[in-house]
PDB file of N, CA and C in Angstrom:
ATOM      1  N   MET A   1      19.572 197.744 157.413  1.00  0.00           N
ATOM      2  CA  MET A   1      20.645 198.702 157.562  1.00  0.00           C
ATOM      3  C   MET A   1      21.955 198.140 156.991  1.00  0.00           C
ATOM      4  N   TYR A   2      22.209 196.862 157.229  1.00  0.00           N
ATOM      5  CA  TYR A   2      23.448 196.253 156.733  1.00  0.00           C
ATOM      6  C   TYR A   2      23.529 196.331 155.216  1.00  0.00           C
ATOM      7  N   HIS A   3      22.388 196.126 154.545  1.00  0.00           N
ATOM      8  CA  HIS A   3      22.381 196.174 153.076  1.00  0.00           C
ATOM      9  C   HIS A   3      22.753 197.565 152.569  1.00  0.00           C
ATOM     10  N   LYS A   4      22.303 198.610 153.267  1.00  0.00           N
ATOM     11  CA  LYS A   4      22.657 199.974 152.877  1.00  0.00           C
ATOM     12  C   LYS A   4      24.154 200.211 153.050  1.00  0.00           C
ATOM     13  N   ILE A   5      24.707 199.712 154.143  1.00  0.00           N
ATOM     14  CA  ILE A   5      26.147 199.858 154.386  1.00  0.00           C
ATOM     15  C   ILE A   5      26.933 199.108 153.327  1.00  0.00           C
ATOM     16  N   MET A   6      26.490 197.906 152.982  1.00  0.00           N
ATOM     17  CA  MET A   6      27.165 197.112 151.961  1.00  0.00           C
ATOM     18  C   MET A   6      27.120 197.835 150.612  1.00  0.00           C
ATOM     19  N   LYS A   7      25.951 198.389 150.265  1.00  0.00           N
ATOM     20  CA  LYS A   7      25.806 199.104 148.994  1.00  0.00           C
ATOM     21  C   LYS A   7      26.736 200.322 148.963  1.00  0.00           C
ATOM     22  N   LEU A   8      26.810 201.064 150.071  1.00  0.00           N
ATOM     23  CA  LEU A   8      27.705 202.217 150.137  1.00  0.00           C
ATOM     24  C   LEU A   8      29.161 201.787 150.028  1.00  0.00           C
ATOM     25  N   SER A   9      29.508 200.648 150.622  1.00  0.00           N
ATOM     26  CA  SER A   9      30.876 200.136 150.520  1.00  0.00           C
ATOM     27  C   SER A   9      31.217 199.805 149.075  1.00  0.00           C
ATOM     28  N   PHE A  10      30.278 199.178 148.361  1.00  0.00           N
ATOM     29  CA  PHE A  10      30.476 198.852 146.948  1.00  0.00           C
ATOM     30  C   PHE A  10      30.685 200.130 146.135  1.00  0.00           C
ATOM     31  N   LEU A  11      29.767 201.090 146.314  1.00  0.00           N
ATOM     32  CA  LEU A  11      29.839 202.327 145.543  1.00  0.00           C
ATOM     33  C   LEU A  11      31.125 203.088 145.833  1.00  0.00           C
ATOM     34  N   ASN A  12      31.512 203.148 147.099  1.00  0.00           N
ATOM     35  CA  ASN A  12      32.733 203.837 147.486  1.00  0.00           C
ATOM     36  C   ASN A  12      33.950 203.169 146.847  1.00  0.00           C
ATOM     37  N   PHE A  13      33.986 201.848 146.899  1.00  0.00           N
ATOM     38  CA  PHE A  13      35.088 201.100 146.293  1.00  0.00           C
ATOM     39  C   PHE A  13      35.170 201.369 144.785  1.00  0.00           C
ATOM     40  N   ILE A  14      34.038 201.300 144.115  1.00  0.00           N
ATOM     41  CA  ILE A  14      34.014 201.490 142.665  1.00  0.00           C
ATOM     42  C   ILE A  14      34.458 202.906 142.301  1.00  0.00           C
ATOM     43  N   GLU A  15      33.955 203.912 143.000  1.00  0.00           N
ATOM     44  CA  GLU A  15      34.342 205.293 142.707  1.00  0.00           C
ATOM     45  C   GLU A  15      35.833 205.525 142.932  1.00  0.00           C
ATOM     46  N   LYS A  16      36.358 205.017 144.042  1.00  0.00           N
ATOM     47  CA  LYS A  16      37.785 205.188 144.317  1.00  0.00           C
ATOM     48  C   LYS A  16      38.639 204.457 143.283  1.00  0.00           C
ATOM     49  N   THR A  17      38.192 203.287 142.885  1.00  0.00           N
ATOM     50  CA  THR A  17      38.949 202.510 141.902  1.00  0.00           C
ATOM     51  C   THR A  17      38.878 203.155 140.524  1.00  0.00           C
ATOM     52  N   LEU A  18      37.712 203.680 140.141  1.00  0.00           N
ATOM     53  CA  LEU A  18      37.584 204.370 138.856  1.00  0.00           C
ATOM     54  C   LEU A  18      38.477 205.608 138.796  1.00  0.00           C
ATOM     55  N   ALA A  19      38.711 206.237 139.929  1.00  0.00           N
ATOM     56  CA  ALA A  19      39.581 207.412 139.960  1.00  0.00           C
ATOM     57  C   ALA A  19      41.026 207.047 139.615  1.00  0.00           C
ATOM     58  N   ARG A  20      41.389 205.779 139.794  1.00  0.00           N
ATOM     59  CA  ARG A  20      42.739 205.302 139.474  1.00  0.00           C
ATOM     60  C   ARG A  20      42.837 204.689 138.073  1.00  0.00           C
ATOM     61  N   ALA A  21      41.730 204.628 137.382  1.00  0.00           N
ATOM     62  CA  ALA A  21      41.701 203.979 136.060  1.00  0.00           C
ATOM     63  C   ALA A  21      42.547 204.752 135.059  1.00  0.00           C
ATOM     64  N   ARG A  22      43.028 204.015 134.083  1.00  0.00           N
ATOM     65  CA  ARG A  22      43.808 204.598 132.988  1.00  0.00           C
ATOM     66  C   ARG A  22      42.944 204.566 131.729  1.00  0.00           C
ATOM     67  N   TYR A  23      42.947 205.666 130.992  1.00  0.00           N
ATOM     68  CA  TYR A  23      42.144 205.803 129.783  1.00  0.00           C
ATOM     69  C   TYR A  23      43.050 206.176 128.618  1.00  0.00           C
ATOM     70  N   GLU A  24      42.827 205.530 127.486  1.00  0.00           N
ATOM     71  CA  GLU A  24      43.581 205.834 126.268  1.00  0.00           C
ATOM     72  C   GLU A  24      42.677 205.641 125.062  1.00  0.00           C
ATOM     73  N   TYR A  25      42.937 206.431 124.038  1.00  0.00           N
ATOM     74  CA  TYR A  25      42.242 206.217 122.770  1.00  0.00           C
ATOM     75  C   TYR A  25      43.079 205.243 121.954  1.00  0.00           C
ATOM     76  N   ASP A  26      42.452 204.173 121.474  1.00  0.00           N
ATOM     77  CA  ASP A  26      43.148 203.168 120.669  1.00  0.00           C
ATOM     78  C   ASP A  26      42.712 203.333 119.214  1.00  0.00           C
ATOM     79  N   PRO A  27      43.569 203.917 118.400  1.00  0.00           N
ATOM     80  CA  PRO A  27      43.189 204.149 116.999  1.00  0.00           C
ATOM     81  C   PRO A  27      42.982 202.863 116.201  1.00  0.00           C
ATOM     82  N   SER A  28      43.577 201.771 116.652  1.00  0.00           N
ATOM     83  CA  SER A  28      43.413 200.519 115.895  1.00  0.00           C
ATOM     84  C   SER A  28      41.981 199.996 115.961  1.00  0.00           C
ATOM     85  N   VAL A  29      41.259 200.303 117.030  1.00  0.00           N
ATOM     86  CA  VAL A  29      39.855 199.881 117.142  1.00  0.00           C
ATOM     87  C   VAL A  29      38.906 201.079 117.129  1.00  0.00           C
ATOM     88  N   LYS A  30      39.503 202.287 117.068  1.00  0.00           N
ATOM     89  CA  LYS A  30      38.737 203.537 117.058  1.00  0.00           C
ATOM     90  C   LYS A  30      37.805 203.639 118.254  1.00  0.00           C
ATOM     91  N   ARG A  31      38.341 203.269 119.417  1.00  0.00           N
ATOM     92  CA  ARG A  31      37.565 203.287 120.666  1.00  0.00           C
ATOM     93  C   ARG A  31      38.459 203.749 121.810  1.00  0.00           C
ATOM     94  N   TRP A  32      37.820 204.234 122.856  1.00  0.00           N
ATOM     95  CA  TRP A  32      38.514 204.497 124.103  1.00  0.00           C
ATOM     96  C   TRP A  32      38.607 203.190 124.879  1.00  0.00           C
ATOM     97  N   VAL A  33      39.728 202.980 125.526  1.00  0.00           N
ATOM     98  CA  VAL A  33      39.908 201.796 126.362  1.00  0.00           C
ATOM     99  C   VAL A  33      40.282 202.258 127.769  1.00  0.00           C
ATOM    100  N   ALA A  34      39.940 201.440 128.745  1.00  0.00           N
ATOM    101  CA  ALA A  34      40.250 201.777 130.135  1.00  0.00           C
ATOM    102  C   ALA A  34      40.540 200.505 130.904  1.00  0.00           C
ATOM    103  N   TRP A  35      41.392 200.629 131.905  1.00  0.00           N
ATOM    104  CA  TRP A  35      41.740 199.503 132.764  1.00  0.00           C
ATOM    105  C   TRP A  35      42.212 200.049 134.099  1.00  0.00           C
ATOM    106  N   VAL A  36      42.303 199.142 135.073  1.00  0.00           N
ATOM    107  CA  VAL A  36      42.815 199.500 136.396  1.00  0.00           C
ATOM    108  C   VAL A  36      43.954 198.549 136.709  1.00  0.00           C
ATOM    109  N   GLU A  37      45.133 199.115 136.912  1.00  0.00           N
ATOM    110  CA  GLU A  37      46.279 198.279 137.232  1.00  0.00           C
ATOM    111  C   GLU A  37      46.047 197.568 138.562  1.00  0.00           C
ATOM    112  N   GLY A  38      46.459 196.308 138.615  1.00  0.00           N
ATOM    113  CA  GLY A  38      46.281 195.510 139.816  1.00  0.00           C
ATOM    114  C   GLY A  38      44.978 194.729 139.845  1.00  0.00           C
ATOM    115  N   PHE A  39      44.158 194.905 138.807  1.00  0.00           N
ATOM    116  CA  PHE A  39      42.885 194.186 138.703  1.00  0.00           C
ATOM    117  C   PHE A  39      42.852 193.441 137.371  1.00  0.00           C
ATOM    118  N   PRO A  40      43.400 192.238 137.340  1.00  0.00           N
ATOM    119  CA  PRO A  40      43.463 191.476 136.083  1.00  0.00           C
ATOM    120  C   PRO A  40      42.078 191.262 135.472  1.00  0.00           C
ATOM    121  N   GLY A  41      41.982 191.517 134.183  1.00  0.00           N
ATOM    122  CA  GLY A  41      40.727 191.300 133.476  1.00  0.00           C
ATOM    123  C   GLY A  41      39.762 192.459 133.538  1.00  0.00           C
ATOM    124  N   VAL A  42      40.068 193.476 134.341  1.00  0.00           N
ATOM    125  CA  VAL A  42      39.183 194.639 134.426  1.00  0.00           C
ATOM    126  C   VAL A  42      39.608 195.605 133.325  1.00  0.00           C
ATOM    127  N   TYR A  43      38.861 195.544 132.217  1.00  0.00           N
ATOM    128  CA  TYR A  43      39.182 196.276 130.996  1.00  0.00           C
ATOM    129  C   TYR A  43      37.874 196.583 130.283  1.00  0.00           C
ATOM    130  N   ALA A  44      37.786 197.768 129.699  1.00  0.00           N
ATOM    131  CA  ALA A  44      36.568 198.130 128.981  1.00  0.00           C
ATOM    132  C   ALA A  44      36.910 198.949 127.747  1.00  0.00           C
ATOM    133  N   GLN A  45      35.975 198.968 126.797  1.00  0.00           N
ATOM    134  CA  GLN A  45      36.083 199.789 125.586  1.00  0.00           C
ATOM    135  C   GLN A  45      34.786 200.568 125.425  1.00  0.00           C
ATOM    136  N   GLY A  46      34.887 201.746 124.821  1.00  0.00           N
ATOM    137  CA  GLY A  46      33.695 202.538 124.563  1.00  0.00           C
ATOM    138  C   GLY A  46      33.963 203.612 123.527  1.00  0.00           C
ATOM    139  N   LYS A  47      32.877 204.188 123.000  1.00  0.00           N
ATOM    140  CA  LYS A  47      33.020 205.193 121.944  1.00  0.00           C
ATOM    141  C   LYS A  47      33.499 206.538 122.474  1.00  0.00           C
ATOM    142  N   ASN A  48      33.347 206.771 123.788  1.00  0.00           N
ATOM    143  CA  ASN A  48      33.860 207.987 124.406  1.00  0.00           C
ATOM    144  C   ASN A  48      34.261 207.687 125.852  1.00  0.00           C
ATOM    145  N   VAL A  49      34.913 208.641 126.487  1.00  0.00           N
ATOM    146  CA  VAL A  49      35.432 208.409 127.838  1.00  0.00           C
ATOM    147  C   VAL A  49      34.304 208.120 128.822  1.00  0.00           C
ATOM    148  N   GLU A  50      33.209 208.854 128.723  1.00  0.00           N
ATOM    149  CA  GLU A  50      32.092 208.635 129.647  1.00  0.00           C
ATOM    150  C   GLU A  50      31.546 207.211 129.525  1.00  0.00           C
ATOM    151  N   ARG A  51      31.370 206.746 128.304  1.00  0.00           N
ATOM    152  CA  ARG A  51      30.837 205.392 128.084  1.00  0.00           C
ATOM    153  C   ARG A  51      31.797 204.328 128.594  1.00  0.00           C
ATOM    154  N   VAL A  52      33.089 204.501 128.338  1.00  0.00           N
ATOM    155  CA  VAL A  52      34.060 203.505 128.788  1.00  0.00           C
ATOM    156  C   VAL A  52      34.140 203.508 130.320  1.00  0.00           C
ATOM    157  N   ARG A  53      33.961 204.668 130.937  1.00  0.00           N
ATOM    158  CA  ARG A  53      33.961 204.743 132.407  1.00  0.00           C
ATOM    159  C   ARG A  53      32.754 203.990 132.981  1.00  0.00           C
ATOM    160  N   GLN A  54      31.599 204.156 132.362  1.00  0.00           N
ATOM    161  CA  GLN A  54      30.398 203.428 132.797  1.00  0.00           C
ATOM    162  C   GLN A  54      30.610 201.920 132.688  1.00  0.00           C
ATOM    163  N   GLU A  55      31.140 201.494 131.545  1.00  0.00           N
ATOM    164  CA  GLU A  55      31.391 200.064 131.336  1.00  0.00           C
ATOM    165  C   GLU A  55      32.399 199.528 132.360  1.00  0.00           C
ATOM    166  N   LEU A  56      33.442 200.311 132.609  1.00  0.00           N
ATOM    167  CA  LEU A  56      34.452 199.885 133.565  1.00  0.00           C
ATOM    168  C   LEU A  56      33.855 199.767 134.969  1.00  0.00           C
ATOM    169  N   GLY A  57      32.946 200.656 135.321  1.00  0.00           N
ATOM    170  CA  GLY A  57      32.262 200.570 136.613  1.00  0.00           C
ATOM    171  C   GLY A  57      31.467 199.281 136.751  1.00  0.00           C
ATOM    172  N   LEU A  58      30.779 198.897 135.689  1.00  0.00           N
ATOM    173  CA  LEU A  58      30.011 197.643 135.704  1.00  0.00           C
ATOM    174  C   LEU A  58      30.933 196.428 135.828  1.00  0.00           C
ATOM    175  N   ILE A  59      32.048 196.480 135.129  1.00  0.00           N
ATOM    176  CA  ILE A  59      33.004 195.372 135.188  1.00  0.00           C
ATOM    177  C   ILE A  59      33.627 195.278 136.582  1.00  0.00           C
ATOM    178  N   LEU A  60      33.922 196.423 137.185  1.00  0.00           N
ATOM    179  CA  LEU A  60      34.450 196.427 138.558  1.00  0.00           C
ATOM    180  C   LEU A  60      33.446 195.822 139.537  1.00  0.00           C
ATOM    181  N   GLU A  61      32.173 196.156 139.347  1.00  0.00           N
ATOM    182  CA  GLU A  61      31.136 195.598 140.211  1.00  0.00           C
ATOM    183  C   GLU A  61      31.100 194.074 140.079  1.00  0.00           C
ATOM    184  N   GLU A  62      31.147 193.569 138.857  1.00  0.00           N
ATOM    185  CA  GLU A  62      31.159 192.119 138.638  1.00  0.00           C
ATOM    186  C   GLU A  62      32.412 191.483 139.239  1.00  0.00           C
ATOM    187  N   TYR A  63      33.549 192.139 139.075  1.00  0.00           N
ATOM    188  CA  TYR A  63      34.817 191.654 139.630  1.00  0.00           C
ATOM    189  C   TYR A  63      34.718 191.543 141.146  1.00  0.00           C
ATOM    190  N   LEU A  64      34.138 192.559 141.769  1.00  0.00           N
ATOM    191  CA  LEU A  64      33.985 192.569 143.224  1.00  0.00           C
ATOM    192  C   LEU A  64      33.035 191.463 143.694  1.00  0.00           C
ATOM    193  N   LEU A  65      31.898 191.353 143.059  1.00  0.00           N
ATOM    194  CA  LEU A  65      30.925 190.327 143.451  1.00  0.00           C
ATOM    195  C   LEU A  65      31.486 188.918 143.282  1.00  0.00           C
ATOM    196  N   LEU A  66      32.144 188.674 142.172  1.00  0.00           N
ATOM    197  CA  LEU A  66      32.734 187.361 141.927  1.00  0.00           C
ATOM    198  C   LEU A  66      33.845 187.067 142.939  1.00  0.00           C
ATOM    199  N   GLY A  67      34.666 188.074 143.210  1.00  0.00           N
ATOM    200  CA  GLY A  67      35.737 187.897 144.182  1.00  0.00           C
ATOM    201  C   GLY A  67      35.207 187.568 145.573  1.00  0.00           C
ATOM    202  N   ILE A  68      34.151 188.250 145.982  1.00  0.00           N
ATOM    203  CA  ILE A  68      33.545 187.975 147.289  1.00  0.00           C
ATOM    204  C   ILE A  68      32.975 186.564 147.305  1.00  0.00           C
ATOM    205  N   ARG A  69      32.275 186.206 146.234  1.00  0.00           N
ATOM    206  CA  ARG A  69      31.682 184.862 146.155  1.00  0.00           C
ATOM    207  C   ARG A  69      32.742 183.762 146.248  1.00  0.00           C
ATOM    208  N   GLU A  70      33.904 184.026 145.633  1.00  0.00           N
ATOM    209  CA  GLU A  70      34.976 183.031 145.633  1.00  0.00           C
ATOM    210  C   GLU A  70      35.894 183.149 146.849  1.00  0.00           C
ATOM    211  N   GLY A  71      35.592 184.099 147.737  1.00  0.00           N
ATOM    212  CA  GLY A  71      36.383 184.262 148.949  1.00  0.00           C
ATOM    213  C   GLY A  71      37.751 184.871 148.729  1.00  0.00           C
ATOM    214  N   LYS A  72      37.898 185.622 147.642  1.00  0.00           N
ATOM    215  CA  LYS A  72      39.188 186.242 147.332  1.00  0.00           C
ATOM    216  C   LYS A  72      39.299 187.603 148.007  1.00  0.00           C
ATOM    217  N   ARG A  73      40.528 187.983 148.311  1.00  0.00           N
ATOM    218  CA  ARG A  73      40.790 189.309 148.852  1.00  0.00           C
ATOM    219  C   ARG A  73      40.818 190.280 147.676  1.00  0.00           C
ATOM    220  N   ILE A  74      40.057 191.353 147.768  1.00  0.00           N
ATOM    221  CA  ILE A  74      39.997 192.364 146.725  1.00  0.00           C
ATOM    222  C   ILE A  74      40.809 193.570 147.204  1.00  0.00           C
ATOM    223  N   PRO A  75      41.867 193.938 146.483  1.00  0.00           N
ATOM    224  CA  PRO A  75      42.697 195.068 146.912  1.00  0.00           C
ATOM    225  C   PRO A  75      41.878 196.350 147.092  1.00  0.00           C
ATOM    226  N   GLY A  76      41.953 196.937 148.277  1.00  0.00           N
ATOM    227  CA  GLY A  76      41.266 198.200 148.539  1.00  0.00           C
ATOM    228  C   GLY A  76      39.838 198.074 149.026  1.00  0.00           C
ATOM    229  N   PHE A  77      39.281 196.864 149.033  1.00  0.00           N
ATOM    230  CA  PHE A  77      37.898 196.696 149.498  1.00  0.00           C
ATOM    231  C   PHE A  77      37.892 196.158 150.913  1.00  0.00           C
ATOM    232  N   ILE A  78      37.221 196.885 151.778  1.00  0.00           N
ATOM    233  CA  ILE A  78      37.079 196.458 153.167  1.00  0.00           C
ATOM    234  C   ILE A  78      35.647 195.966 153.339  1.00  0.00           C
ATOM    235  N   PHE A  79      35.521 194.698 153.638  1.00  0.00           N
ATOM    236  CA  PHE A  79      34.203 194.098 153.795  1.00  0.00           C
ATOM    237  C   PHE A  79      33.587 194.602 155.097  1.00  0.00           C
ATOM    238  N   PRO A  80      32.416 195.251 155.032  1.00  0.00           N
ATOM    239  CA  PRO A  80      31.818 195.762 156.267  1.00  0.00           C
ATOM    240  C   PRO A  80      31.382 194.616 157.178  1.00  0.00           C
ATOM    241  N   THR A  81      31.587 194.804 158.469  1.00  0.00           N
ATOM    242  CA  THR A  81      31.149 193.780 159.416  1.00  0.00           C
ATOM    243  C   THR A  81      29.658 193.913 159.628  1.00  0.00           C
ATOM    244  N   LYS A  82      29.021 192.803 159.877  1.00  0.00           N
ATOM    245  CA  LYS A  82      27.572 192.798 160.040  1.00  0.00           C
ATOM    246  C   LYS A  82      27.201 193.479 161.350  1.00  0.00           C
ATOM    247  N   LEU A  83      26.202 194.355 161.274  1.00  0.00           N
ATOM    248  CA  LEU A  83      25.731 195.052 162.459  1.00  0.00           C
ATOM    249  C   LEU A  83      24.666 194.215 163.137  1.00  0.00           C
ATOM    250  N   HIS A  84      24.685 194.200 164.429  1.00  0.00           N
ATOM    251  CA  HIS A  84      23.682 193.470 165.196  1.00  0.00           C
ATOM    252  C   HIS A  84      22.831 194.477 165.965  1.00  0.00           C
ATOM    253  N   ALA A  85      21.551 194.194 166.033  1.00  0.00           N
ATOM    254  CA  ALA A  85      20.639 195.080 166.777  1.00  0.00           C
ATOM    255  C   ALA A  85      20.919 194.931 168.263  1.00  0.00           C
ATOM    256  N   LYS A  86      20.843 196.046 168.952  1.00  0.00           N
ATOM    257  CA  LYS A  86      21.031 196.012 170.401  1.00  0.00           C
ATOM    258  C   LYS A  86      19.781 195.439 171.044  1.00  0.00           C
ATOM    259  N   THR A  87      19.991 194.631 172.052  1.00  0.00           N
ATOM    260  CA  THR A  87      18.845 194.097 172.797  1.00  0.00           C
ATOM    261  C   THR A  87      18.783 194.791 174.136  1.00  0.00           C
ATOM    262  N   SER A  88      17.572 195.010 174.629  1.00  0.00           N
ATOM    263  CA  SER A  88      17.447 195.689 175.918  1.00  0.00           C
ATOM    264  C   SER A  88      17.215 194.726 177.045  1.00  0.00           C
TER     265      SER A  88
END
């Protein structure tokens, strides 16, 4: 059950963060670019908005996993507390 809650927390975080992403077409590279302010290094490029959004989602997931592994606080992510089974 905890793994399902953790997965939902990840997905919820990524979706909310993607909603704040900024997208622009960069004519110098002929690609769409996207980033999220407040998340250094979270940047993606793609041939269209949908592709760049997918890439940005993957990068956010890596950013979150690495941050958790390194014990860093991730803005907007609330780490779910572990659930314990009730004993009778």
